[in-house]
Amino acid sequence: MHGLEPADPPALGGYPLLARLGAGGMGQVYLSRTAAGRPLALKTVRSDLGAEQGFEARFDREIRNSDRVRSPWSVAVVDHSAPGQRPQWLATEYVPAPSLGDWVERHGPLPEAALLALAAELCGALGAVHGTGLAHRDVKPGNVLLAGDHPRLIDFGIARAADDSRHTHTGGMIGSPGFLAPEQATGTGTAAPADVFSLAAVLAHAATGRGPFARPEENASAPVLLYRIVHEEPDLDGVPDALRPLLAACLVKQPEERPTASALGERLADIGAHGHQWQQAVPAALAADLAARERSLRALADGTPPPRQEPGPGTAGTPGFGPPPTMPPAPAPPASVPLPAAAQPAAYAQPQVAVQPQFSVQPPVSAQPPVAVQSAFPAPAPGGAPQVPVPPVRKRLSNRMLVSLVLLVLVLSPVLSRTMREPVFFLVVAAPFVLAGFLIRRAVVRRRGRRGR
């Protein structure tokens, strides 16, 4: 968990962003919360993915599919972006727990008791997914969260929509190399038997610290791993004896020969592996880590979020990574119009982070010729208060003369009439001329004002 960076927006979809949880191929993942204080994991979609044709429809479809899976091993979808909204995002419940991949990398393989309990729990997770007629298609250590009550199998929706996009454009595979089934590696299938194959590969990783098609102390490339998955047998050295034949049955090349998730769960129960044993089998170091994460989450919810971080080298301006700012920065006041300190907005009074643009289409300020800009505001007086503008004397006198002329006509109208009986007739005749003179005078004054005279 890290503080927000200056380019991060303060909120998305009405949910405040509290911290960064991580980043991946899809975009940024933020910690957020509901109005009631429920913690959320808010995942964003990179702008280049969101702009691809058909991605929004796949995104919406996969979110609806993932919301169909309701089980103790899944995370609930809380909210998501409306159609047409950018950046796109997905809010799920936040589970303060490390992934299986991170834990094994830092602490090594799981003890046998925890491994067997994890196997039974993940069989239940896959059974819940397959029971809705869906397939996960990306079972890997990074998508398994080691929570204290039940492990969680995450990333049904947002990552799968991106995988579909990559598959459509490149004709490639859907999933993660090293944990794919042979039919996924060859692009011929992504159904439930492929999830069972991937689950066995994940459990082998949890037991040995490496996948069944990787070699010890080896950093194999994706093509090498895919070749071994399709053509070679798995290496299960280091897997406990009770679990090894079950994983071997799940790692056969032909999908129809693999057991289903429910059948695998029954075979695990025969060797004494049950899901309800997970809470008692959690390693002490993992339990301490989960307790520390809970305390950090409570402190963050009760206090202030971590301070915003400065972007690291090479991260500022990275195209398509993370959400763009939701609003452009507020423009500074014109340099030729100094404002009093008391009249300056709060946004200008606060310290601002100076961001240097990478490219500039304007010459340096020192190289530009000075341009005289006439201020629309009066210059401040020496005391600091702005002077009140005084209307021109000529305009004020002209208005007085026009009013005096109208009054004079009204007073003399009976005298100028043929008899005292015809003042109304005279006023009716003279009124259009007076109105025309007033309108002409008004037009002249406006034209002089526009010309600055």
Protein backbone atom coordinates (compact mmCIF):
# COMPACT_ATOMS: atom_id res chain seq x y z
CA MET A 1 0.00 0.00 0.00
CA HIS A 2 1.42 3.36 -1.06
CA GLY A 3 0.31 6.96 -1.00
CA LEU A 4 -1.37 8.57 -4.00
CA GLU A 5 0.76 10.29 -6.61
CA PRO A 6 0.13 13.86 -7.78
CA ALA A 7 -1.46 12.67 -11.04
CA ASP A 8 -4.02 10.49 -9.24
CA PRO A 9 -7.54 11.91 -9.02
CA PRO A 10 -9.00 12.44 -5.54
CA ALA A 11 -12.04 10.26 -6.33
CA LEU A 12 -13.60 8.07 -9.01
CA GLY A 13 -17.31 7.49 -9.40
CA GLY A 14 -17.97 9.25 -6.11
CA TYR A 15 -15.60 6.96 -4.17
CA PRO A 16 -12.62 8.69 -2.49
CA LEU A 17 -9.20 7.26 -3.32
CA LEU A 18 -7.17 6.63 -0.16
CA ALA A 19 -4.02 4.83 -1.35
CA ARG A 20 -2.47 2.80 -4.14
CA LEU A 21 -2.67 -0.97 -3.74
CA GLY A 22 -0.69 -1.85 -6.86
CA ALA A 23 -0.60 -1.79 -10.63
CA GLY A 24 -0.88 -4.33 -13.38
CA GLY A 25 -1.49 -4.77 -17.06
CA MET A 26 -5.02 -3.39 -16.67
CA GLY A 27 -4.12 -0.18 -14.84
CA GLN A 28 -3.99 1.03 -11.25
CA VAL A 29 -5.66 -0.52 -8.22
CA TYR A 30 -6.68 1.89 -5.47
CA LEU A 31 -7.94 1.52 -1.93
CA SER A 32 -11.27 3.26 -1.46
CA ARG A 33 -14.34 3.02 0.76
CA THR A 34 -18.08 3.46 0.69
CA ALA A 35 -19.96 6.18 2.52
CA ALA A 36 -20.59 3.67 5.31
CA GLY A 37 -16.83 2.97 5.65
CA ARG A 38 -16.70 -0.39 3.84
CA PRO A 39 -13.23 -0.79 2.26
CA LEU A 40 -13.12 -1.27 -1.50
CA ALA A 41 -10.55 -2.24 -4.11
CA LEU A 42 -11.15 0.09 -7.05
CA LYS A 43 -9.53 -1.12 -10.26
CA THR A 44 -9.14 1.13 -13.27
CA VAL A 45 -8.83 0.32 -16.96
CA ARG A 46 -6.04 1.75 -19.07
CA SER A 47 -7.21 4.30 -21.61
CA ASP A 48 -5.86 2.33 -24.59
CA LEU A 49 -7.84 -0.76 -23.57
CA GLY A 50 -11.00 1.23 -22.95
CA ALA A 51 -10.75 2.76 -26.42
CA GLU A 52 -10.67 -0.61 -28.21
CA GLN A 53 -13.76 -1.52 -30.18
CA GLY A 54 -16.02 -3.90 -28.28
CA PHE A 55 -14.11 -3.69 -25.01
CA GLU A 56 -16.87 -1.86 -23.15
CA ALA A 57 -19.42 -4.53 -24.05
CA ARG A 58 -17.04 -7.31 -22.90
CA PHE A 59 -16.26 -5.37 -19.74
CA ASP A 60 -19.93 -5.06 -18.87
CA ARG A 61 -20.61 -8.71 -19.72
CA GLU A 62 -17.78 -10.06 -17.56
CA ILE A 63 -18.83 -7.89 -14.62
CA ARG A 64 -22.34 -9.31 -14.82
CA ASN A 65 -20.90 -12.83 -15.02
CA SER A 66 -18.63 -12.32 -12.03
CA ASP A 67 -21.53 -10.97 -10.03
CA ARG A 68 -23.30 -14.30 -10.57
CA VAL A 69 -20.63 -16.09 -8.54
CA ARG A 70 -21.59 -15.70 -4.87
CA SER A 71 -19.53 -17.87 -2.56
CA PRO A 72 -17.26 -17.60 0.50
CA TRP A 73 -14.28 -17.75 -1.88
CA SER A 74 -15.20 -14.83 -4.16
CA VAL A 75 -15.15 -11.05 -3.73
CA ALA A 76 -18.42 -9.19 -4.25
CA VAL A 77 -18.78 -6.61 -7.02
CA VAL A 78 -19.97 -3.38 -5.37
CA ASP A 79 -20.11 -0.93 -8.28
CA HIS A 80 -18.65 -0.17 -11.70
CA SER A 81 -18.41 2.69 -14.16
CA ALA A 82 -21.42 3.70 -16.21
CA PRO A 83 -21.39 3.13 -20.00
CA GLY A 84 -19.32 5.78 -21.72
CA GLN A 85 -17.55 6.93 -18.54
CA ARG A 86 -13.78 7.37 -18.71
CA PRO A 87 -11.71 6.07 -17.11
CA GLN A 88 -13.57 2.80 -16.65
CA TRP A 89 -13.38 1.23 -13.22
CA LEU A 90 -14.63 -1.66 -11.11
CA ALA A 91 -15.14 -1.55 -7.33
CA THR A 92 -15.07 -4.82 -5.36
CA GLU A 93 -14.81 -5.58 -1.68
CA TYR A 94 -11.26 -5.21 -0.40
CA VAL A 95 -9.59 -8.22 1.23
CA PRO A 96 -6.50 -7.21 3.26
CA ALA A 97 -4.47 -10.32 2.51
CA PRO A 98 -1.36 -11.21 0.47
CA SER A 99 -1.60 -13.21 -2.71
CA LEU A 100 -0.33 -16.77 -2.79
CA GLY A 101 2.33 -15.75 -5.30
CA ASP A 102 3.69 -12.93 -3.09
CA TRP A 103 3.62 -15.07 0.04
CA VAL A 104 5.48 -18.02 -1.49
CA GLU A 105 8.05 -15.68 -3.02
CA ARG A 106 8.78 -14.05 0.36
CA HIS A 107 8.30 -16.99 2.76
CA GLY A 108 8.68 -20.14 0.67
CA PRO A 109 6.29 -23.08 0.20
CA LEU A 110 3.32 -23.64 2.48
CA PRO A 111 3.41 -26.31 5.20
CA GLU A 112 1.62 -29.53 4.28
CA ALA A 113 -1.38 -28.92 6.55
CA ALA A 114 -1.95 -25.46 5.09
CA LEU A 115 -1.38 -26.81 1.56
CA LEU A 116 -4.03 -29.52 1.89
CA ALA A 117 -6.54 -27.11 3.43
CA LEU A 118 -5.84 -24.60 0.63
CA ALA A 119 -6.41 -27.32 -1.99
CA ALA A 120 -9.81 -28.18 -0.50
CA GLU A 121 -10.79 -24.49 -0.29
CA LEU A 122 -9.83 -23.77 -3.91
CA CYS A 123 -11.74 -26.83 -5.09
CA GLY A 124 -14.79 -25.32 -3.44
CA ALA A 125 -14.06 -21.98 -5.14
CA LEU A 126 -13.83 -23.57 -8.58
CA GLY A 127 -16.94 -25.64 -7.91
CA ALA A 128 -18.89 -22.43 -7.21
CA VAL A 129 -17.65 -20.89 -10.46
CA HIS A 130 -18.35 -23.96 -12.59
CA GLY A 131 -21.75 -24.37 -10.97
CA THR A 132 -22.89 -21.15 -12.69
CA GLY A 133 -21.76 -22.43 -16.08
CA LEU A 134 -18.70 -20.17 -16.14
CA ALA A 135 -14.95 -20.78 -16.26
CA HIS A 136 -12.36 -18.61 -14.56
CA ARG A 137 -9.65 -19.02 -17.25
CA ASP A 138 -6.87 -17.35 -15.25
CA VAL A 139 -6.26 -19.39 -12.10
CA LYS A 140 -2.76 -18.46 -10.94
CA PRO A 141 -0.98 -17.70 -7.64
CA GLY A 142 -1.47 -13.96 -8.08
CA ASN A 143 -5.25 -14.42 -8.19
CA VAL A 144 -5.44 -16.36 -4.90
CA LEU A 145 -5.65 -14.19 -1.76
CA LEU A 146 -4.71 -15.93 1.51
CA ALA A 147 -7.39 -14.42 3.74
CA GLY A 148 -7.82 -15.70 7.28
CA ASP A 149 -11.37 -17.03 6.98
CA HIS A 150 -11.29 -18.41 3.43
CA PRO A 151 -8.85 -18.00 0.53
CA ARG A 152 -10.30 -15.83 -2.24
CA LEU A 153 -10.20 -16.52 -5.98
CA ILE A 154 -10.31 -13.10 -7.62
CA ASP A 155 -10.27 -11.37 -11.03
CA PHE A 156 -13.21 -12.88 -12.86
CA GLY A 157 -14.28 -9.81 -14.80
CA ILE A 158 -11.89 -6.97 -15.54
CA ALA A 159 -8.81 -9.06 -16.41
CA ARG A 160 -10.80 -11.48 -18.55
CA ALA A 161 -12.20 -8.64 -20.66
CA ALA A 162 -8.63 -7.54 -21.37
CA ASP A 163 -7.55 -11.10 -22.11
CA ASP A 164 -10.38 -11.40 -24.61
CA SER A 165 -9.19 -8.18 -26.22
CA ARG A 166 -5.62 -9.45 -26.57
CA HIS A 167 -6.85 -12.79 -27.87
CA THR A 168 -9.06 -11.12 -30.46
CA HIS A 169 -6.30 -8.88 -31.78
CA THR A 170 -3.39 -11.29 -31.72
CA GLY A 171 -4.99 -14.71 -31.96
CA GLY A 172 -2.99 -15.65 -28.86
CA MET A 173 -3.81 -17.39 -25.62
CA ILE A 174 -5.93 -16.37 -22.66
CA GLY A 175 -4.25 -16.87 -19.27
CA SER A 176 -0.83 -16.71 -17.62
CA PRO A 177 2.14 -18.73 -18.96
CA GLY A 178 3.26 -21.45 -16.56
CA PHE A 179 -0.26 -22.08 -15.26
CA LEU A 180 -2.12 -22.66 -18.52
CA ALA A 181 -3.72 -25.86 -19.71
CA PRO A 182 -2.44 -27.30 -23.01
CA GLU A 183 -5.70 -26.38 -24.76
CA GLN A 184 -5.25 -22.77 -23.58
CA ALA A 185 -1.65 -22.73 -24.79
CA THR A 186 -2.76 -23.88 -28.23
CA GLY A 187 -5.87 -21.67 -28.25
CA THR A 188 -8.32 -24.56 -28.61
CA GLY A 189 -10.30 -24.30 -25.37
CA THR A 190 -10.84 -22.40 -22.11
CA ALA A 191 -13.56 -24.45 -20.36
CA ALA A 192 -13.79 -25.87 -16.83
CA PRO A 193 -11.18 -28.66 -17.34
CA ALA A 194 -8.59 -25.96 -18.06
CA ASP A 195 -9.31 -24.42 -14.64
CA VAL A 196 -8.66 -27.80 -12.99
CA PHE A 197 -5.30 -28.06 -14.78
CA SER A 198 -4.39 -24.54 -13.66
CA LEU A 199 -5.46 -25.29 -10.09
CA ALA A 200 -3.10 -28.28 -9.96
CA ALA A 201 -0.26 -26.07 -11.26
CA VAL A 202 -1.04 -23.46 -8.58
CA LEU A 203 -0.99 -26.11 -5.83
CA ALA A 204 2.34 -27.45 -7.12
CA HIS A 205 3.69 -23.90 -6.91
CA ALA A 206 2.40 -23.56 -3.34
CA ALA A 207 4.07 -26.88 -2.41
CA THR A 208 7.46 -26.34 -4.07
CA GLY A 209 7.83 -22.62 -4.80
CA ARG A 210 7.80 -23.19 -8.59
CA GLY A 211 5.38 -24.33 -11.24
CA PRO A 212 5.23 -27.95 -12.42
CA PHE A 213 6.81 -27.04 -15.76
CA ALA A 214 9.59 -24.85 -14.39
CA ARG A 215 13.00 -26.03 -13.28
CA PRO A 216 14.67 -25.16 -9.95
CA GLU A 217 16.61 -21.90 -10.07
CA GLU A 218 15.37 -21.25 -13.60
CA ASN A 219 13.74 -18.20 -15.11
CA ALA A 220 12.17 -19.79 -18.16
CA SER A 221 10.63 -17.69 -20.89
CA ALA A 222 6.97 -17.92 -21.85
CA PRO A 223 7.61 -19.88 -25.08
CA VAL A 224 9.68 -22.46 -23.18
CA LEU A 225 6.96 -22.92 -20.56
CA LEU A 226 4.24 -23.23 -23.18
CA TYR A 227 6.22 -25.85 -25.09
CA ARG A 228 6.72 -27.91 -21.93
CA ILE A 229 3.03 -27.63 -21.01
CA VAL A 230 1.98 -29.00 -24.40
CA HIS A 231 4.69 -31.65 -24.93
CA GLU A 232 6.33 -32.60 -21.61
CA GLU A 233 5.24 -34.20 -18.36
CA PRO A 234 5.01 -32.13 -15.17
CA ASP A 235 7.76 -32.16 -12.56
CA LEU A 236 6.11 -32.81 -9.17
CA ASP A 237 9.24 -33.39 -7.12
CA GLY A 238 8.76 -31.82 -3.70
CA VAL A 239 4.97 -32.21 -3.65
CA PRO A 240 3.75 -34.19 -0.59
CA ASP A 241 3.19 -37.87 -1.36
CA ALA A 242 -0.51 -37.77 -0.47
CA LEU A 243 -1.18 -34.93 -2.90
CA ARG A 244 1.11 -35.92 -5.78
CA PRO A 245 -1.15 -38.49 -7.54
CA LEU A 246 -4.13 -36.12 -7.38
CA LEU A 247 -2.17 -33.32 -9.04
CA ALA A 248 -0.81 -35.71 -11.65
CA ALA A 249 -4.37 -36.71 -12.57
CA CYS A 250 -5.31 -33.04 -13.01
CA LEU A 251 -2.24 -32.28 -15.16
CA VAL A 252 -2.91 -34.79 -17.95
CA LYS A 253 -2.91 -33.38 -21.47
CA GLN A 254 -6.42 -34.48 -22.48
CA PRO A 255 -9.17 -32.29 -20.90
CA GLU A 256 -11.75 -35.10 -20.81
CA GLU A 257 -9.44 -37.27 -18.67
CA ARG A 258 -9.15 -34.75 -15.82
CA PRO A 259 -11.43 -34.91 -12.78
CA THR A 260 -13.97 -32.18 -12.19
CA ALA A 261 -13.52 -29.72 -9.34
CA SER A 262 -16.15 -31.48 -7.26
CA ALA A 263 -14.58 -34.91 -7.91
CA LEU A 264 -11.19 -33.54 -6.94
CA GLY A 265 -12.70 -32.20 -3.73
CA GLU A 266 -14.02 -35.67 -2.88
CA ARG A 267 -10.62 -37.25 -3.49
CA LEU A 268 -9.02 -34.59 -1.28
CA ALA A 269 -11.50 -35.41 1.47
CA ASP A 270 -10.41 -39.05 1.23
CA ILE A 271 -6.86 -38.08 2.19
CA GLY A 272 -8.08 -35.84 5.04
CA ALA A 273 -8.09 -32.44 3.32
CA HIS A 274 -11.13 -30.37 4.25
CA GLY A 275 -11.90 -26.71 3.65
CA HIS A 276 -12.98 -26.01 7.24
CA GLN A 277 -9.42 -26.76 8.35
CA TRP A 278 -7.97 -23.64 6.74
CA GLN A 279 -8.41 -21.29 9.70
CA GLN A 280 -6.58 -23.73 12.00
CA ALA A 281 -3.91 -24.49 9.39
CA VAL A 282 -2.95 -20.86 8.62
CA PRO A 283 0.79 -20.48 9.34
CA ALA A 284 1.68 -18.28 12.32
CA ALA A 285 3.63 -15.84 10.13
CA LEU A 286 0.65 -15.46 7.81
CA ALA A 287 -1.70 -14.88 10.75
CA ALA A 288 0.60 -12.13 12.06
CA ASP A 289 0.76 -10.55 8.60
CA LEU A 290 -3.05 -10.56 8.31
CA ALA A 291 -3.41 -8.95 11.75
CA ALA A 292 -0.95 -6.20 10.79
CA ARG A 293 -2.86 -5.52 7.58
CA GLU A 294 -6.12 -5.26 9.51
CA ARG A 295 -4.60 -2.75 11.92
CA SER A 296 -3.25 -0.65 9.03
CA LEU A 297 -6.64 -0.69 7.35
CA ARG A 298 -8.43 0.42 10.53
CA ALA A 299 -5.90 3.20 11.09
CA LEU A 300 -6.33 4.38 7.52
CA ALA A 301 -10.12 4.32 7.80
CA ASP A 302 -10.09 6.26 11.09
CA GLY A 303 -7.38 8.76 10.21
CA THR A 304 -6.00 10.49 7.17
CA PRO A 305 -4.78 8.73 4.02
CA PRO A 306 -1.05 8.39 3.31
CA PRO A 307 0.56 11.51 1.83
CA ARG A 308 0.73 11.77 -1.93
CA GLN A 309 4.02 10.53 -3.34
CA GLU A 310 6.18 12.17 -5.94
CA PRO A 311 6.21 10.11 -9.17
CA GLY A 312 9.27 7.92 -9.50
CA PRO A 313 11.82 8.21 -12.30
CA GLY A 314 10.31 7.38 -15.64
CA THR A 315 6.73 7.16 -14.35
CA ALA A 316 5.56 10.67 -14.99
CA GLY A 317 3.81 10.97 -18.27
CA THR A 318 3.70 7.24 -18.98
CA PRO A 319 0.99 6.90 -21.62
CA GLY A 320 -1.99 4.70 -20.89
CA PHE A 321 -0.93 3.79 -17.34
CA GLY A 322 -3.41 4.57 -14.61
CA PRO A 323 -6.34 6.94 -14.84
CA PRO A 324 -5.87 10.40 -16.30
CA PRO A 325 -6.66 13.40 -14.09
CA THR A 326 -10.38 14.01 -13.99
CA MET A 327 -10.03 17.82 -14.23
CA PRO A 328 -7.38 20.06 -15.80
CA PRO A 329 -5.38 22.22 -13.40
CA ALA A 330 -6.91 25.59 -12.62
CA PRO A 331 -5.37 28.45 -14.67
CA ALA A 332 -3.30 31.02 -12.81
CA PRO A 333 -4.42 34.67 -12.82
CA PRO A 334 -2.92 36.91 -15.58
CA ALA A 335 0.54 38.15 -14.79
CA SER A 336 -0.40 41.74 -15.67
CA VAL A 337 -3.26 41.83 -13.14
CA PRO A 338 -1.83 41.58 -9.61
CA LEU A 339 -4.51 40.64 -7.09
CA PRO A 340 -4.41 41.56 -3.41
CA ALA A 341 -3.35 38.72 -1.14
CA ALA A 342 -6.73 38.72 0.61
CA ALA A 343 -8.57 38.40 -2.70
CA GLN A 344 -6.57 35.46 -4.04
CA PRO A 345 -8.44 32.12 -4.21
CA ALA A 346 -7.37 29.37 -1.83
CA ALA A 347 -6.15 27.19 -4.73
CA TYR A 348 -3.43 29.78 -5.49
CA ALA A 349 -2.54 30.36 -1.86
CA GLN A 350 -1.67 26.68 -1.33
CA PRO A 351 1.68 25.28 -2.47
CA GLN A 352 1.45 23.68 -5.88
CA VAL A 353 3.51 20.86 -7.39
CA ALA A 354 5.42 22.20 -10.37
CA VAL A 355 5.15 19.86 -13.34
CA GLN A 356 7.49 20.58 -16.22
CA PRO A 357 6.02 19.64 -19.63
CA GLN A 358 8.03 17.27 -21.72
CA PHE A 359 7.59 19.28 -24.89
CA SER A 360 6.80 22.94 -25.46
CA VAL A 361 5.42 24.64 -28.52
CA GLN A 362 6.09 28.15 -27.16
CA PRO A 363 9.51 29.86 -27.06
CA PRO A 364 10.95 30.70 -23.64
CA VAL A 365 9.35 33.63 -21.88
CA SER A 366 12.55 35.63 -22.06
CA ALA A 367 12.61 35.24 -25.87
CA GLN A 368 9.09 36.51 -26.45
CA PRO A 369 8.59 40.22 -27.12
CA PRO A 370 6.70 42.01 -24.37
CA VAL A 371 3.02 42.43 -25.15
CA ALA A 372 1.11 45.29 -23.62
CA VAL A 373 -2.07 43.90 -22.13
CA GLN A 374 -4.71 46.37 -21.02
CA SER A 375 -6.12 45.19 -17.73
CA ALA A 376 -9.85 44.84 -17.33
CA PHE A 377 -9.43 45.75 -13.64
CA PRO A 378 -8.22 49.05 -12.17
CA ALA A 379 -4.72 49.12 -10.78
CA PRO A 380 -4.61 48.88 -6.98
CA ALA A 381 -4.03 52.00 -4.96
CA PRO A 382 -0.83 52.37 -2.93
CA GLY A 383 -2.71 51.24 0.19
CA GLY A 384 -3.60 47.92 -1.46
CA ALA A 385 -7.34 48.54 -2.13
CA PRO A 386 -8.48 48.72 -5.76
CA GLN A 387 -9.72 52.10 -7.01
CA VAL A 388 -13.39 52.51 -7.84
CA PRO A 389 -13.84 53.45 -11.53
CA VAL A 390 -15.44 56.90 -12.13
CA PRO A 391 -17.74 57.31 -15.16
CA PRO A 392 -16.58 59.83 -17.79
CA VAL A 393 -17.68 63.45 -17.20
CA ARG A 394 -18.80 63.97 -20.80
CA LYS A 395 -21.16 61.02 -20.72
CA ARG A 396 -22.69 62.14 -17.40
CA LEU A 397 -23.24 65.71 -18.71
CA SER A 398 -24.77 64.44 -21.93
CA ASN A 399 -27.31 62.37 -20.03
CA ARG A 400 -28.25 65.40 -17.91
CA MET A 401 -28.71 67.56 -20.99
CA LEU A 402 -30.96 64.95 -22.59
CA VAL A 403 -33.17 64.74 -19.48
CA SER A 404 -33.36 68.55 -19.26
CA LEU A 405 -34.41 68.75 -22.89
CA VAL A 406 -37.21 66.26 -22.36
CA LEU A 407 -38.49 68.17 -19.31
CA LEU A 408 -38.34 71.46 -21.22
CA VAL A 409 -40.44 70.03 -24.02
CA LEU A 410 -43.00 68.79 -21.54
CA VAL A 411 -43.23 72.20 -19.81
CA LEU A 412 -43.47 74.24 -23.03
CA SER A 413 -45.86 71.90 -24.79
CA PRO A 414 -49.00 73.85 -23.78
CA VAL A 415 -47.44 77.14 -24.90
CA LEU A 416 -46.31 75.78 -28.24
CA SER A 417 -49.70 74.22 -28.88
CA ARG A 418 -52.28 76.16 -30.85
CA THR A 419 -54.52 76.30 -27.80
CA MET A 420 -54.38 75.00 -24.28
CA ARG A 421 -56.83 72.31 -25.35
CA GLU A 422 -54.31 70.39 -27.49
CA PRO A 423 -51.38 69.39 -25.16
CA VAL A 424 -52.13 65.70 -25.49
CA PHE A 425 -52.01 65.89 -29.29
CA PHE A 426 -48.66 67.69 -29.11
CA LEU A 427 -47.18 65.11 -26.76
CA VAL A 428 -48.27 62.26 -29.03
CA VAL A 429 -46.59 63.96 -31.99
CA ALA A 430 -43.37 64.85 -30.13
CA ALA A 431 -42.87 61.55 -28.26
CA PRO A 432 -41.49 59.52 -31.24
CA PHE A 433 -38.88 62.19 -31.95
CA VAL A 434 -37.75 62.27 -28.31
CA LEU A 435 -37.49 58.46 -28.21
CA ALA A 436 -35.53 58.39 -31.48
CA GLY A 437 -33.07 60.96 -30.13
CA PHE A 438 -32.59 58.93 -26.96
CA LEU A 439 -31.89 55.69 -28.89
CA ILE A 440 -29.46 57.44 -31.24
CA ARG A 441 -27.58 58.91 -28.31
CA ARG A 442 -27.40 55.51 -26.61
CA ALA A 443 -26.01 53.83 -29.75
CA VAL A 444 -23.34 56.53 -30.10
CA VAL A 445 -22.23 56.10 -26.49
CA ARG A 446 -21.96 52.30 -26.88
CA ARG A 447 -19.93 52.60 -30.09
CA ARG A 448 -17.50 55.02 -28.45
CA GLY A 449 -17.15 52.63 -25.50
CA ARG A 450 -16.22 49.73 -27.80
CA ARG A 451 -13.61 51.86 -29.55
CA GLY A 452 -12.09 52.84 -26.20
CA ARG A 453 -12.80 56.52 -26.73
